[in-house]
Protein backbone atom coordinates (compact mmCIF):
# COMPACT_ATOMS: atom_id res chain seq x y z
CA MET A 1 -3.22 -184.60 202.60
CA GLN A 2 -4.49 -188.16 203.05
CA SER A 3 -3.42 -190.41 205.88
CA GLY A 4 -1.37 -192.55 203.52
CA ASP A 5 0.48 -189.51 202.39
CA LYS A 6 1.12 -188.51 206.03
CA GLU A 7 2.52 -191.90 206.80
CA THR A 8 4.81 -191.79 203.78
CA LEU A 9 6.06 -188.32 204.72
CA TYR A 10 6.56 -189.42 208.33
CA VAL A 11 8.73 -192.42 207.27
CA PHE A 12 10.72 -190.26 204.87
CA LEU A 13 11.44 -187.60 207.49
CA THR A 14 12.42 -190.28 209.97
CA LYS A 15 15.14 -191.41 207.63
CA VAL A 16 16.39 -187.85 206.97
CA PHE A 17 16.32 -186.87 210.61
CA PRO A 18 17.17 -190.01 212.61
CA SER A 19 17.98 -188.02 215.80
CA LEU A 20 14.40 -186.82 216.20
CA GLU A 21 11.73 -188.65 218.18
CA LYS A 22 8.27 -189.58 216.96
CA GLY A 23 6.47 -186.49 218.25
CA GLU A 24 9.13 -184.29 216.80
CA ILE A 25 8.83 -185.86 213.38
CA GLU A 26 5.13 -185.44 213.48
CA GLU A 27 5.56 -181.74 214.27
CA LEU A 28 8.16 -181.39 211.57
CA ALA A 29 5.77 -182.95 209.07
CA ARG A 30 3.11 -180.37 210.03
CA ILE A 31 5.34 -177.42 209.09
CA SER A 32 6.50 -178.98 205.85
CA LEU A 33 5.38 -178.18 202.36
CA ARG A 34 5.59 -180.63 199.47
CA THR A 35 6.42 -179.06 196.13
CA ARG A 36 6.52 -180.56 192.66
CA TYR A 37 8.75 -179.44 189.79
CA ASP A 38 8.77 -180.41 186.11
CA GLU A 39 11.88 -181.54 184.28
CA ASN A 40 14.55 -178.78 183.93
CA GLU A 41 12.72 -176.43 186.22
CA LEU A 42 14.60 -173.92 188.36
CA ILE A 43 14.05 -174.46 192.13
CA ALA A 44 16.40 -171.84 193.49
CA GLN A 45 18.37 -169.09 191.74
CA GLU A 46 21.95 -168.25 192.69
CA GLY A 47 22.04 -164.87 194.46
CA SER A 48 18.36 -164.98 195.43
CA TYR A 49 16.94 -165.16 198.97
CA ALA A 50 17.36 -168.58 200.52
CA SER A 51 13.86 -169.15 201.76
CA GLY A 52 14.44 -172.43 203.53
CA ILE A 53 15.58 -176.07 203.37
CA HIS A 54 14.66 -178.26 200.41
CA ILE A 55 14.88 -182.09 200.63
CA VAL A 56 14.53 -184.26 197.54
CA LYS A 57 11.72 -186.78 198.04
CA SER A 58 11.70 -188.08 194.48
CA GLY A 59 13.56 -187.33 191.27
CA LEU A 60 17.01 -185.81 190.76
CA VAL A 61 18.29 -182.23 191.24
CA SER A 62 21.39 -180.51 189.88
CA ILE A 63 23.36 -178.05 192.05
CA GLY A 64 25.55 -175.57 190.25
CA LYS A 65 27.05 -172.11 190.01
CA TYR A 66 27.31 -169.50 187.26
CA SER A 67 30.62 -168.11 186.12
CA SER A 68 31.77 -164.74 187.49
CA LYS A 69 30.67 -163.08 184.23
CA GLY A 70 27.36 -164.88 184.26
CA ARG A 71 27.68 -166.39 180.75
CA GLY A 72 28.52 -169.94 181.73
CA LYS A 73 27.50 -172.34 184.45
CA ARG A 74 29.02 -175.35 186.21
CA CYS A 75 27.19 -178.35 187.60
CA LEU A 76 28.82 -179.17 190.95
CA ARG A 77 26.81 -182.24 192.00
CA PHE A 78 23.50 -184.06 192.00
CA LEU A 79 21.06 -184.46 194.82
CA ALA A 80 19.17 -187.73 195.01
CA VAL A 81 16.25 -188.79 197.28
CA GLY A 82 16.84 -187.79 200.92
CA GLU A 83 19.52 -185.16 200.15
CA MET A 84 19.02 -181.49 200.93
CA PHE A 85 20.18 -177.95 200.10
CA GLY A 86 19.55 -174.56 201.64
CA LEU A 87 21.10 -175.19 205.09
CA GLU A 88 22.53 -171.68 205.09
CA ALA A 89 18.98 -170.40 205.47
CA VAL A 90 18.96 -171.92 208.93
CA CYS A 91 22.53 -171.60 210.10
CA LEU A 92 23.44 -168.00 209.06
CA GLU A 93 22.30 -165.16 211.26
CA ARG A 94 22.49 -162.63 208.40
CA GLU A 95 19.97 -162.72 205.56
CA ALA A 96 20.54 -165.94 203.81
CA ILE A 97 21.44 -165.98 200.13
CA ASN A 98 21.60 -168.93 197.73
CA PHE A 99 25.20 -169.42 196.88
CA GLN A 100 24.29 -171.94 194.17
CA PHE A 101 21.38 -172.61 191.86
CA ALA A 102 19.26 -175.73 192.02
CA LYS A 103 17.46 -177.18 189.04
CA THR A 104 15.65 -180.41 188.41
CA LEU A 105 16.98 -182.95 185.85
CA ILE A 106 13.80 -184.91 185.85
CA GLU A 107 10.34 -184.42 187.34
CA SER A 108 10.95 -184.14 191.08
CA THR A 109 9.10 -183.74 194.44
CA LEU A 110 10.72 -181.91 197.27
CA VAL A 111 9.85 -181.33 200.92
CA PHE A 112 10.30 -177.68 201.89
CA PHE A 113 10.70 -176.10 205.33
CA GLU A 114 10.39 -172.30 205.35
CA ARG A 115 13.30 -170.50 207.12
CA SER A 116 11.35 -169.01 210.05
CA ASN A 117 9.44 -172.23 210.66
CA ILE A 118 12.51 -174.49 210.83
CA ARG A 119 14.40 -171.96 212.99
CA ALA A 120 11.46 -171.81 215.48
CA PHE A 121 11.33 -175.67 215.44
CA SER A 122 15.05 -175.93 216.16
CA LYS A 123 14.74 -173.70 219.24
CA ASP A 124 12.26 -176.07 220.78
CA HIS A 125 13.90 -179.22 219.42
CA PRO A 126 17.65 -178.72 219.40
CA ARG A 127 18.24 -182.40 218.58
CA ILE A 128 17.69 -181.47 214.96
CA PHE A 129 21.10 -179.74 215.02
CA LYS A 130 22.78 -183.15 215.27
CA ASP A 131 21.31 -184.05 211.89
CA LEU A 132 21.88 -180.67 210.32
CA SER A 133 25.48 -180.70 211.51
CA ARG A 134 25.95 -184.15 209.91
CA TRP A 135 24.80 -182.64 206.60
CA LEU A 136 26.99 -179.55 206.95
CA SER A 137 30.03 -181.74 207.69
CA ARG A 138 29.17 -183.77 204.60
CA GLU A 139 29.12 -180.51 202.56
CA VAL A 140 32.59 -179.50 203.86
CA ILE A 141 34.09 -182.92 203.06
CA MET A 142 32.53 -182.90 199.58
CA LEU A 143 33.90 -179.47 198.79
CA GLU A 144 37.42 -180.22 199.98
CA PHE A 145 37.49 -183.51 198.15
CA LYS A 146 36.18 -182.02 194.92
CA LEU A 147 38.64 -179.16 194.98
CA THR A 148 41.58 -181.55 195.59
CA ARG A 149 40.44 -184.01 192.97
CA GLU A 150 39.98 -181.47 190.22
CA ALA A 151 43.20 -179.73 190.97
CA VAL A 152 45.46 -182.76 190.71
CA GLU A 153 43.79 -185.45 188.68
CA SER A 154 43.76 -186.01 184.90
CA VAL A 155 40.67 -185.73 182.80
CA ASP A 156 40.69 -189.52 182.12
CA ARG A 157 40.83 -190.38 185.79
CA ASN A 158 38.11 -187.84 186.70
CA LEU A 159 35.90 -189.17 183.92
CA ALA A 160 36.48 -192.74 185.13
CA LEU A 161 35.66 -191.71 188.76
CA LEU A 162 32.49 -189.91 187.68
CA LEU A 163 31.25 -192.89 185.59
CA LEU A 164 31.93 -195.36 188.40
CA ALA A 165 30.25 -193.19 191.05
CA LEU A 166 27.21 -192.50 188.87
CA GLY A 167 26.98 -196.21 188.05
CA ASN A 168 27.21 -197.32 191.64
CA LYS A 169 24.70 -194.73 192.84
CA TYR A 170 22.16 -194.59 189.99
CA GLY A 171 23.00 -197.44 187.57
CA VAL A 172 21.09 -200.64 186.87
CA ARG A 173 23.33 -203.73 187.17
CA GLU A 174 22.87 -206.81 184.99
CA GLN A 175 25.57 -209.28 185.92
CA ASN A 176 28.84 -207.47 185.22
CA VAL A 177 27.26 -204.75 183.05
CA VAL A 178 25.96 -201.48 184.49
CA HIS A 179 23.40 -199.45 182.52
CA LEU A 180 23.40 -195.77 183.36
CA GLU A 181 20.00 -194.44 182.42
CA LEU A 182 20.09 -191.03 184.05
CA PRO A 183 18.75 -188.30 181.81
CA ILE A 184 21.97 -186.29 182.23
CA PRO A 185 22.88 -184.22 179.19
CA ARG A 186 26.48 -184.35 178.02
CA GLN A 187 26.70 -180.62 178.80
CA THR A 188 25.99 -181.35 182.40
CA MET A 189 28.54 -184.10 182.60
CA ALA A 190 31.11 -181.81 181.04
CA GLU A 191 30.26 -179.12 183.55
CA MET A 192 30.83 -181.53 186.43
CA LEU A 193 34.25 -182.35 185.10
CA GLY A 194 35.08 -178.77 184.25
CA VAL A 195 35.86 -179.52 180.62
CA SER A 196 34.27 -178.75 177.28
CA VAL A 197 31.65 -181.05 175.71
CA GLU A 198 34.21 -181.80 172.96
CA THR A 199 36.74 -182.98 175.56
CA LEU A 200 34.06 -185.15 177.29
CA MET A 201 33.03 -186.73 173.99
CA ARG A 202 36.66 -187.57 173.17
CA GLY A 203 37.08 -189.16 176.61
CA LEU A 204 33.89 -191.28 176.13
CA LYS A 205 35.10 -192.31 172.66
CA ARG A 206 38.45 -193.32 174.11
CA PHE A 207 36.76 -195.36 176.81
CA ARG A 208 34.59 -197.15 174.26
CA GLU A 209 37.62 -198.00 172.14
CA LEU A 210 39.34 -199.43 175.25
CA GLY A 211 36.23 -201.56 176.03
CA PHE A 212 35.35 -199.76 179.26
CA LEU A 213 32.04 -198.68 177.83
CA GLY A 214 29.52 -200.21 175.45
CA PRO A 215 29.65 -199.15 171.77
CA GLU A 216 26.25 -197.46 171.78
CA HIS A 217 26.11 -193.76 171.40
CA GLY A 218 23.39 -191.76 173.25
CA LYS A 219 23.55 -193.90 176.38
CA ILE A 220 26.21 -195.17 178.76
CA THR A 221 26.84 -198.81 179.50
CA ILE A 222 29.74 -199.74 181.72
CA GLN A 223 31.01 -202.99 180.24
CA ASP A 224 34.03 -203.51 182.47
CA SER A 225 33.84 -201.91 185.89
CA ASP A 226 37.07 -203.54 187.01
CA ARG A 227 39.17 -202.08 184.25
CA LEU A 228 37.47 -198.71 184.66
CA ALA A 229 38.33 -198.81 188.38
CA GLU A 230 41.99 -199.56 187.38
CA ARG A 231 42.02 -196.49 185.22
CA ALA A 232 40.46 -194.50 188.07
CA ARG A 233 42.99 -196.02 190.57
CA VAL A 234 40.10 -196.36 193.10
CA ASN A 235 39.22 -198.47 196.08
CA ASP A 236 35.77 -198.96 197.66
CA PHE A 237 36.37 -196.31 200.40
CA TYR A 238 37.54 -193.75 197.84
CA LEU A 239 34.56 -194.51 195.62
CA SER A 240 32.12 -194.03 198.54
CA ILE A 241 33.55 -190.53 199.20
CA ILE A 242 33.22 -189.65 195.49
CA GLU A 243 29.57 -190.76 195.54
CA GLU A 244 28.97 -188.19 198.22
CA THR A 245 30.12 -185.48 195.89
CA LEU A 246 27.42 -186.20 193.41
């Protein structure tokens, strides 16, 4: 690893673990492993041994679960740069198991900390638990919010919320228009909403007819964020919480 790479990794870890001091970040960098995955490559399988913590350094990762019969799957959220999964590998005393699967949506680079290494580090540097607790609290809030939202909201409102959140977090804004250029298949979007692809396509068509979205098929352009927000019945605080569930 070249010095420039070390500096980049150091800065990245400083942002992810703001409670740690300089020497601790340097030690954390020494026990890290950077891994690269191609598009649509499986990182962790549901039900397999949770070998450690993965943090997205570049790219985009999908987190999901398979149905009880194993024939279908559900995308629960996306992980962008700086977001992590695999905390159960550190926090559970029993043998850790992946409760979800993780798969790349585009070519991605992750920073990995093996379970025994990060546990040994945490014993000597307990400040890391402040940052890990922050992430665990975030996970609980995300889960409760997602369960409540999906139980009581209409498909149209959930679709509007999803489009607004994706646009705010990943979109490219040109004046009042937001271009959403994420390589997210319609199947993945449908899984996030808990609906069929046909239901999703009908919803997108309806939004195009209403002028919320651009007329182009194959990509998503939010033409009128204000009207879409009205359909979603959302305020800025509510939207910030929704973005955390992606």
